[in-house]
Amino acid sequence: MASRPSTGQRKSALQKDSTTEAGEKPADFVALIAKQSLPRSRHMHFERLVASTAINSSNTATFLAQVNKNRVPVPLFEKKRVKLSTKATEDTDYLPATYASFNREDYIIIQAPTKETVVDFWRMVWQDGCKLIVCVVEKSQMTMQNDTEKCYQYWPTKPDAKMEIGVIIFHITNWSNGIWPDLDQLGPFIKTLTSKEIQIIKRAADDYIPPVVLQGFAGLNRTCVVWVATILMKQIERRECFDVEYLARHLVRIRPGAFSDPMSFFVLFGLAFRIASLGGWSAYEDTKDRIKEIKASALVTVKAREKQ
C-alpha cells in the first residue's frame, strides 16, 4: 500500500481506558448549549469557526498543479492528501481526497467522482482496504452520464449487475444542500453507521484499521457534519467527554471550507443533541425543544446572510 498518515489505531480503541477526549461530558454539553439559545450567540460560534486557515503554495503545491481535477477547488494540504500508487506510466497519484483523522478514528473525505475519475476512486478504496463508504449526495444529483454537475454512480444500479468488492455503501439520499434535514432520520442513520464501523474494527485481522470513506459532491458541509457526528456518536457510546466545536475546528484545519455553509454548522449542533438523546444522555422531548431553537437560529442566520 502507498504511504499514509499513521493514526495508531488498535482494536483496544473499542475499550474504555482511563483517558478521555478533550471537551465536556455529553450531559454538560446539553446543559451548556441549552443556555445559548440566542441567534447572535450561535452566529458568533459560526464566524469563529470559519476563520481563515493558513494556506500557501508550499503546503498545497500538488493541489495547485492539479486544481483542474477538482470539482470544487478545495485546497488539499500535501501532508494530508490521499496519494495513489502509480504502477503504469499513465497513472497519477492525485485525486481530490484528504485523510481526516482524529485520535483513533481514521477517515477519507473525497469529492464526488466523475466518469473519468471513477477508476481512481476505486483504486483508492482498494489501496487503503476501505470497507465502508458513505455517499452524502441526494438521488437527484446522481448520474450514469458524463455530467460534471452531478456525482457519477460508482456502484451497480441494475439487479443483474455485479461488482466483486467487499465494501458496504451507505447512501444519504434525502438531505439537500442548504436544507434542514429530518434529524429523526439522520440521527439513527449516524448511530447505525458507527455500529457498522465498530463491527469492521472488531473483525480486523491485524492492527491496521481501514479508513471510512465519506464522499460528497464537494466534500464539504454535509459530508463534514457526518464526520463530526460519527466521532461524537462513538464518544457518547463510550461515555467519553466531547466538544462539538473543537471537533469542527480540528476538521477545518485539515479541510479548509469544511463548514462554509452556516446551515450545515447549525445542523451539526442540532444533530449533536439528537445523537446525545440516542445515547441516553438527554430526554427526547427536551432534545426536540433544543433542536427547534437551533433550527430557528439557523433560519435567522441564513436569512441575514442572504440580505448581505
Protein backbone atom coordinates (compact mmCIF):
# COMPACT_ATOMS: atom_id res chain seq x y z
CA MET A 1 0.00 0.00 0.00
CA ALA A 2 1.05 3.59 -0.54
CA SER A 3 2.27 5.54 2.47
CA ARG A 4 -0.43 7.19 4.51
CA PRO A 5 -0.71 9.06 7.83
CA SER A 6 -0.42 6.72 10.81
CA THR A 7 -3.16 7.04 13.40
CA GLY A 8 -2.01 4.33 15.76
CA GLN A 9 -5.44 2.74 15.64
CA ARG A 10 -5.81 -0.51 17.55
CA LYS A 11 -8.63 -2.81 18.50
CA SER A 12 -8.19 -1.60 22.05
CA ALA A 13 -9.75 1.63 20.82
CA LEU A 14 -13.07 -0.07 21.46
CA GLN A 15 -12.26 -0.50 25.10
CA LYS A 16 -12.76 2.29 27.62
CA ASP A 17 -9.46 3.38 29.14
CA SER A 18 -8.52 5.87 31.82
CA THR A 19 -8.17 8.78 29.38
CA THR A 20 -10.94 10.88 27.85
CA GLU A 21 -11.25 13.10 24.81
CA ALA A 22 -10.82 16.85 25.10
CA GLY A 23 -14.11 18.55 25.86
CA GLU A 24 -17.06 18.15 28.15
CA LYS A 25 -19.33 15.34 29.16
CA PRO A 26 -22.34 14.90 26.85
CA ALA A 27 -24.70 15.80 29.69
CA ASP A 28 -22.75 19.02 30.31
CA PHE A 29 -22.88 19.83 26.60
CA VAL A 30 -26.66 19.53 26.63
CA ALA A 31 -26.92 21.92 29.58
CA LEU A 32 -24.44 24.42 28.11
CA ILE A 33 -25.91 24.67 24.63
CA ALA A 34 -29.42 24.92 26.06
CA LYS A 35 -28.36 28.23 27.63
CA GLN A 36 -27.01 29.56 24.32
CA SER A 37 -30.34 29.96 22.57
CA LEU A 38 -29.83 33.45 21.12
CA PRO A 39 -29.21 33.53 17.34
CA ARG A 40 -26.39 36.03 17.93
CA SER A 41 -24.56 33.54 20.16
CA ARG A 42 -24.64 30.73 17.61
CA HIS A 43 -23.79 33.14 14.80
CA MET A 44 -20.67 34.07 16.77
CA HIS A 45 -19.75 30.38 17.04
CA PHE A 46 -20.00 30.06 13.26
CA GLU A 47 -17.94 33.16 12.48
CA ARG A 48 -15.23 32.00 14.88
CA LEU A 49 -15.13 28.59 13.23
CA VAL A 50 -14.73 29.81 9.64
CA ALA A 51 -11.72 32.00 10.44
CA SER A 52 -9.04 31.70 7.76
CA THR A 53 -6.71 28.70 7.64
CA ALA A 54 -3.05 29.08 6.71
CA ILE A 55 -2.88 28.13 3.01
CA ASN A 56 0.12 28.81 0.79
CA SER A 57 1.80 27.47 -2.33
CA SER A 58 4.31 25.39 -0.38
CA ASN A 59 1.82 23.29 1.59
CA THR A 60 -0.64 22.87 -1.31
CA ALA A 61 1.75 22.59 -4.28
CA THR A 62 0.29 19.40 -5.80
CA PHE A 63 -3.27 20.67 -5.38
CA LEU A 64 -2.41 23.89 -7.22
CA ALA A 65 -0.80 21.90 -10.04
CA GLN A 66 -3.83 19.57 -10.33
CA VAL A 67 -6.60 22.04 -9.49
CA ASN A 68 -8.49 21.18 -12.70
CA LYS A 69 -9.08 17.67 -11.34
CA ASN A 70 -11.22 19.03 -8.51
CA ARG A 71 -14.97 19.55 -8.83
CA VAL A 72 -14.64 22.39 -6.34
CA PRO A 73 -11.20 23.93 -5.64
CA VAL A 74 -10.93 22.86 -2.00
CA PRO A 75 -7.23 23.10 -1.02
CA LEU A 76 -5.54 19.82 -0.12
CA PHE A 77 -2.56 20.03 2.20
CA GLU A 78 0.38 17.98 0.95
CA LYS A 79 0.79 16.08 4.22
CA LYS A 80 -2.89 15.14 4.37
CA ARG A 81 -3.87 14.39 0.79
CA VAL A 82 -4.50 10.80 -0.32
CA LYS A 83 -1.77 9.64 -2.70
CA LEU A 84 -2.44 6.81 -5.13
CA SER A 85 0.25 4.31 -6.00
CA THR A 86 1.48 4.66 -9.59
CA LYS A 87 2.33 1.44 -11.42
CA ALA A 88 1.67 2.42 -15.04
CA THR A 89 3.17 5.41 -16.81
CA GLU A 90 -0.25 6.98 -17.34
CA ASP A 91 -1.18 6.66 -13.65
CA THR A 92 -1.38 9.74 -11.46
CA ASP A 93 -1.12 9.83 -7.68
CA TYR A 94 -3.63 12.70 -7.37
CA LEU A 95 -7.32 12.65 -6.55
CA PRO A 96 -9.40 15.22 -4.60
CA ALA A 97 -9.30 13.39 -1.28
CA THR A 98 -7.79 14.03 2.13
CA TYR A 99 -7.16 11.96 5.23
CA ALA A 100 -9.19 13.31 8.15
CA SER A 101 -8.10 11.58 11.32
CA PHE A 102 -8.93 12.29 14.94
CA ASN A 103 -7.18 10.34 17.67
CA ARG A 104 -8.06 6.71 16.92
CA GLU A 105 -10.61 7.40 14.18
CA ASP A 106 -9.47 7.46 10.55
CA TYR A 107 -11.48 8.74 7.57
CA ILE A 108 -11.06 9.84 3.98
CA ILE A 109 -13.09 12.81 2.74
CA ILE A 110 -13.39 12.88 -1.05
CA GLN A 111 -15.28 14.79 -3.72
CA ALA A 112 -17.76 13.01 -5.98
CA PRO A 113 -16.09 11.02 -8.77
CA THR A 114 -16.76 11.77 -12.43
CA LYS A 115 -16.94 9.19 -15.21
CA GLU A 116 -13.26 9.88 -15.89
CA THR A 117 -12.11 9.60 -12.27
CA VAL A 118 -14.26 6.71 -11.03
CA VAL A 119 -11.37 4.29 -11.64
CA ASP A 120 -9.15 6.41 -9.39
CA PHE A 121 -11.87 6.34 -6.74
CA TRP A 122 -11.88 2.54 -6.69
CA ARG A 123 -8.07 2.47 -6.82
CA MET A 124 -8.13 4.44 -3.57
CA VAL A 125 -10.67 2.07 -1.97
CA TRP A 126 -8.59 -0.96 -2.94
CA GLN A 127 -5.27 0.63 -1.97
CA ASP A 128 -6.36 1.55 1.56
CA GLY A 129 -8.51 -1.56 2.03
CA CYS A 130 -11.62 0.52 2.73
CA LYS A 131 -14.66 -1.46 3.86
CA LEU A 132 -17.20 1.30 4.40
CA ILE A 133 -18.28 4.16 2.09
CA VAL A 134 -20.79 6.88 2.95
CA CYS A 135 -22.25 8.77 -0.02
CA VAL A 136 -23.72 12.14 1.01
CA VAL A 137 -25.38 13.03 -2.30
CA GLU A 138 -29.13 13.11 -2.88
CA LYS A 139 -30.61 10.83 -5.56
CA SER A 140 -31.38 13.68 -7.95
CA GLN A 141 -27.67 14.54 -8.08
CA MET A 142 -26.52 11.04 -9.14
CA THR A 143 -25.92 10.18 -12.79
CA MET A 144 -24.60 7.48 -15.09
CA GLN A 145 -23.73 10.10 -17.69
CA ASN A 146 -20.63 12.26 -18.09
CA ASP A 147 -22.17 15.17 -16.18
CA THR A 148 -19.71 17.42 -14.33
CA GLU A 149 -22.53 18.87 -12.23
CA LYS A 150 -23.54 15.52 -10.71
CA CYS A 151 -21.95 12.60 -8.89
CA TYR A 152 -21.15 9.65 -11.13
CA GLN A 153 -22.94 6.50 -9.93
CA TYR A 154 -19.96 4.34 -8.98
CA TRP A 155 -21.93 1.28 -7.87
CA PRO A 156 -24.29 -1.02 -9.88
CA THR A 157 -27.86 0.15 -10.38
CA LYS A 158 -29.31 -2.85 -12.25
CA PRO A 159 -30.39 -6.02 -10.39
CA ASP A 160 -28.17 -8.27 -12.55
CA ALA A 161 -25.11 -6.02 -12.38
CA LYS A 162 -22.24 -7.19 -10.19
CA MET A 163 -19.17 -5.74 -8.52
CA GLU A 164 -16.96 -8.19 -6.68
CA ILE A 165 -15.85 -5.96 -3.82
CA GLY A 166 -16.09 -6.35 -0.07
CA VAL A 167 -17.39 -2.85 0.58
CA ILE A 168 -20.53 -1.61 2.33
CA ILE A 169 -22.06 1.59 0.92
CA PHE A 170 -24.32 3.83 3.00
CA HIS A 171 -26.21 6.46 1.00
CA ILE A 172 -27.83 9.57 2.49
CA THR A 173 -30.40 10.35 -0.20
CA ASN A 174 -32.82 12.86 1.33
CA TRP A 175 -30.65 15.69 2.63
CA SER A 176 -30.32 18.50 0.09
CA ASN A 177 -27.63 21.15 0.34
CA GLY A 178 -28.68 24.20 2.38
CA ILE A 179 -31.79 22.47 3.76
CA TRP A 180 -32.51 21.45 7.35
CA PRO A 181 -32.75 17.63 7.32
CA ASP A 182 -35.03 15.33 9.30
CA LEU A 183 -32.84 14.69 12.35
CA ASP A 184 -35.14 11.85 13.44
CA GLN A 185 -33.84 10.04 10.35
CA LEU A 186 -30.28 11.37 10.27
CA GLY A 187 -29.62 10.66 13.97
CA PRO A 188 -30.43 6.92 13.78
CA PHE A 189 -28.50 6.78 10.48
CA ILE A 190 -25.38 8.04 12.28
CA LYS A 191 -25.92 5.51 15.07
CA THR A 192 -26.23 2.65 12.55
CA LEU A 193 -23.16 3.89 10.68
CA THR A 194 -21.00 3.92 13.81
CA SER A 195 -22.21 0.45 14.76
CA LYS A 196 -21.13 -0.87 11.37
CA GLU A 197 -17.77 0.88 11.69
CA ILE A 198 -17.19 -0.74 15.09
CA GLN A 199 -18.04 -4.16 13.61
CA ILE A 200 -15.39 -3.63 10.94
CA ILE A 201 -12.82 -2.67 13.58
CA LYS A 202 -13.60 -5.80 15.60
CA ARG A 203 -13.20 -8.01 12.53
CA ALA A 204 -9.86 -6.51 11.50
CA ALA A 205 -7.29 -9.28 11.15
CA ASP A 206 -4.38 -7.12 12.30
CA ASP A 207 -3.63 -3.73 13.80
CA TYR A 208 -4.50 -1.88 10.58
CA ILE A 209 -7.97 -0.33 10.65
CA PRO A 210 -9.05 0.84 7.16
CA PRO A 211 -10.37 4.40 6.89
CA VAL A 212 -14.06 5.08 6.35
CA VAL A 213 -14.72 6.93 3.07
CA LEU A 214 -17.01 9.97 3.33
CA GLN A 215 -17.95 11.14 -0.16
CA GLY A 216 -19.90 14.27 -1.01
CA PHE A 217 -20.13 16.42 -4.12
CA ALA A 218 -17.52 18.88 -2.84
CA GLY A 219 -16.60 17.01 0.33
CA LEU A 220 -17.72 19.99 2.44
CA ASN A 221 -20.55 20.92 4.82
CA ARG A 222 -22.91 17.89 4.86
CA THR A 223 -20.01 15.46 4.47
CA CYS A 224 -18.17 17.21 7.29
CA VAL A 225 -21.26 17.09 9.51
CA VAL A 226 -21.24 13.30 9.10
CA TRP A 227 -17.52 13.21 10.04
CA VAL A 228 -18.06 15.11 13.29
CA ALA A 229 -21.31 13.34 14.18
CA THR A 230 -19.83 9.88 13.66
CA ILE A 231 -16.98 10.62 16.05
CA LEU A 232 -19.41 12.19 18.54
CA MET A 233 -21.65 9.13 18.45
CA LYS A 234 -18.77 6.85 19.36
CA GLN A 235 -17.63 9.17 22.14
CA ILE A 236 -21.15 9.26 23.57
CA GLU A 237 -21.45 5.48 23.50
CA ARG A 238 -18.03 5.17 25.18
CA ARG A 239 -19.19 7.70 27.80
CA GLU A 240 -16.25 9.94 26.96
CA CYS A 241 -16.05 13.71 27.05
CA PHE A 242 -16.59 15.56 23.78
CA ASP A 243 -16.66 19.05 22.33
CA VAL A 244 -18.58 19.71 19.11
CA GLU A 245 -16.88 22.97 18.20
CA TYR A 246 -13.43 21.53 18.97
CA LEU A 247 -14.03 18.70 16.50
CA ALA A 248 -15.33 21.13 13.89
CA ARG A 249 -12.27 23.36 14.32
CA HIS A 250 -10.00 20.33 14.03
CA LEU A 251 -11.60 19.40 10.71
CA VAL A 252 -11.42 22.95 9.35
CA ARG A 253 -7.65 22.88 9.87
CA ILE A 254 -7.50 19.71 7.75
CA ARG A 255 -10.25 20.57 5.28
CA PRO A 256 -10.45 24.34 4.56
CA GLY A 257 -14.04 25.44 3.98
CA ALA A 258 -15.43 22.39 5.80
CA PHE A 259 -18.29 24.44 7.25
CA SER A 260 -18.62 27.27 4.76
CA ASP A 261 -22.42 26.88 4.80
CA PRO A 262 -23.96 28.16 8.08
CA MET A 263 -26.94 25.81 7.72
CA SER A 264 -24.65 22.77 7.98
CA PHE A 265 -22.99 24.25 11.06
CA PHE A 266 -26.32 24.64 12.84
CA VAL A 267 -27.44 21.18 11.68
CA LEU A 268 -24.30 19.82 13.34
CA PHE A 269 -25.35 21.19 16.74
CA GLY A 270 -28.93 20.01 16.29
CA LEU A 271 -27.67 16.57 15.30
CA ALA A 272 -25.39 16.52 18.35
CA PHE A 273 -28.49 16.87 20.52
CA ARG A 274 -30.27 14.10 18.61
CA ILE A 275 -27.44 11.59 18.94
CA ALA A 276 -26.95 12.58 22.60
CA SER A 277 -30.56 11.51 23.17
CA LEU A 278 -29.97 8.29 21.23
CA GLY A 279 -27.04 7.62 23.54
CA GLY A 280 -29.23 8.13 26.59
CA TRP A 281 -27.73 11.45 27.67
CA SER A 282 -30.88 13.55 27.35
CA ALA A 283 -34.64 13.10 27.20
CA TYR A 284 -36.11 13.02 23.69
CA GLU A 285 -38.76 15.66 24.47
CA ASP A 286 -36.12 18.06 25.78
CA THR A 287 -33.99 17.32 22.72
CA LYS A 288 -36.84 18.29 20.39
CA ASP A 289 -37.14 21.67 22.12
CA ARG A 290 -33.42 22.36 21.83
CA ILE A 291 -33.36 21.33 18.15
CA LYS A 292 -36.31 23.61 17.46
CA GLU A 293 -34.37 26.54 18.96
CA ILE A 294 -31.25 25.74 16.93
CA LYS A 295 -33.25 25.42 13.71
CA ALA A 296 -34.82 28.84 14.37
CA SER A 297 -31.35 30.32 14.87
CA ALA A 298 -30.20 28.72 11.63
CA LEU A 299 -33.04 30.21 9.62
CA VAL A 300 -32.38 33.68 11.09
CA THR A 301 -28.66 33.46 10.30
CA VAL A 302 -29.17 32.20 6.75
CA LYS A 303 -31.76 34.88 6.04
CA ALA A 304 -29.44 37.59 7.35
CA ARG A 305 -26.57 36.36 5.16
CA GLU A 306 -28.83 36.36 2.09
CA LYS A 307 -29.53 40.06 2.64
CA GLN A 308 -25.83 40.95 2.75
